Protein backbone atom coordinates (compact mmCIF):
# COMPACT_ATOMS: atom_id res chain seq x y z
CA UNK A 1 0.12 0.06 0.15
CA UNK A 2 2.73 2.55 0.80
CA UNK A 3 4.39 2.10 -2.53
CA UNK A 4 1.23 3.10 -4.21
CA UNK A 5 0.60 5.95 -1.89
CA UNK A 6 4.12 7.16 -2.57
CA UNK A 7 3.41 6.75 -6.24
CA UNK A 8 0.35 8.65 -6.18
CA UNK A 9 1.79 11.55 -4.10
CA UNK A 10 4.71 11.77 -6.67
CA UNK A 11 4.92 15.29 -7.85
CA UNK A 12 4.83 14.15 -11.56
CA UNK A 13 1.92 11.74 -10.91
CA UNK A 14 -0.08 13.60 -8.48
CA UNK A 15 -1.33 16.42 -10.73
CA UNK A 16 -2.62 13.88 -13.33
CA UNK A 17 -5.07 12.51 -10.76
CA UNK A 18 -7.02 15.89 -11.20
CA UNK A 19 -7.65 15.34 -15.00
CA UNK A 20 -10.79 13.73 -15.74
CA UNK A 21 -12.46 13.07 -19.03
CA UNK A 22 -15.93 14.37 -17.89
CA UNK A 23 -17.72 13.21 -21.05
CA UNK A 24 -16.42 9.72 -20.53
CA UNK A 25 -17.83 9.70 -16.89
CA UNK A 26 -21.30 11.00 -18.17
CA UNK A 27 -21.72 8.42 -20.83
CA UNK A 28 -20.67 5.57 -18.45
CA UNK A 29 -23.00 6.86 -15.69
CA UNK A 30 -25.90 7.61 -18.10
CA UNK A 31 -26.41 3.73 -18.43
CA UNK A 32 -26.90 3.46 -14.49
CA UNK A 33 -29.96 4.57 -12.51
CA UNK A 34 -28.21 5.95 -9.37
CA UNK A 35 -26.58 9.16 -9.83
CA UNK A 36 -26.03 9.54 -6.03
CA UNK A 37 -23.03 7.45 -6.55
CA UNK A 38 -21.29 10.35 -8.27
CA UNK A 39 -19.21 11.86 -5.21
CA UNK A 40 -16.05 13.56 -5.08
CA UNK A 41 -14.41 10.86 -3.14
CA UNK A 42 -15.77 8.18 -5.56
CA UNK A 43 -14.46 10.10 -8.47
CA UNK A 44 -11.06 10.49 -6.81
CA UNK A 45 -11.13 6.69 -6.16
CA UNK A 46 -11.83 5.88 -9.83
CA UNK A 47 -8.75 8.04 -11.01
CA UNK A 48 -6.65 6.24 -8.25
CA UNK A 49 -7.89 2.98 -9.66
CA UNK A 50 -6.90 3.85 -13.31
CA UNK A 51 -3.47 5.08 -12.05
CA UNK A 52 -3.24 1.70 -9.97
CA UNK A 53 -3.81 -0.43 -12.98
CA UNK A 54 -0.75 1.15 -14.72
CA UNK A 55 1.27 -0.13 -11.84
CA UNK A 56 -0.21 -3.60 -12.02
CA UNK A 57 -2.07 -3.07 -8.73
CA UNK A 58 -5.63 -4.62 -8.89
CA UNK A 59 -6.14 -5.50 -5.12
CA UNK A 60 -9.35 -3.51 -4.05
CA UNK A 61 -8.26 -3.45 -0.60
CA UNK A 62 -4.78 -1.88 -1.38
CA UNK A 63 -6.66 0.64 -3.78
CA UNK A 64 -9.21 1.63 -1.16
CA UNK A 65 -6.78 2.16 1.61
CA UNK A 66 -4.43 4.03 -0.51
CA UNK A 67 -7.27 6.22 -1.85
CA UNK A 68 -8.44 7.02 1.65
CA UNK A 69 -4.71 7.94 2.82
CA UNK A 70 -4.22 10.26 -0.14
CA UNK A 71 -7.59 11.83 0.17
CA UNK A 72 -7.18 12.66 3.74
CA UNK A 73 -3.82 14.29 2.96
CA UNK A 74 -5.34 16.51 0.33
CA UNK A 75 -6.22 20.20 1.02
CA UNK A 76 -9.56 21.25 0.72
CA UNK A 77 -8.76 23.13 -2.69
CA UNK A 78 -7.62 19.85 -4.11
CA UNK A 79 -10.85 17.93 -2.95
CA UNK A 80 -12.89 20.71 -4.05
CA UNK A 81 -11.87 20.02 -7.80
CA UNK A 82 -13.43 16.64 -7.43
CA UNK A 83 -16.46 18.27 -5.93
CA UNK A 84 -16.95 20.27 -8.83
CA UNK A 85 -16.43 17.56 -11.38
CA UNK A 86 -19.04 15.54 -9.38
CA UNK A 87 -21.55 18.43 -9.75
CA UNK A 88 -20.94 18.69 -13.38
CA UNK A 89 -21.31 15.15 -13.85
CA UNK A 90 -24.71 15.16 -11.82
CA UNK A 91 -26.15 17.92 -13.55
CA UNK A 92 -25.48 16.28 -16.89
CA UNK A 93 -26.98 13.06 -16.33
């Protein structure tokens, strides 16, 4: 888990976590009935999961714990980026 957390917090990798293809998320979520699942934390976890796959990390527990640790270390401004993304996605579904 620490290896993944260190990787995610790397100054080269970390900014990339904030880049989302909102249209892709909207298309995927339009097929689902429950838009309440679109939260800032869930979007961040989805980005962490995508980044984890690049490292061949697929263990859900490791991804979940790593997501939680990085999320808790983020500033309010950083979290707010995902809050805005979540609002945009929910309003477009």
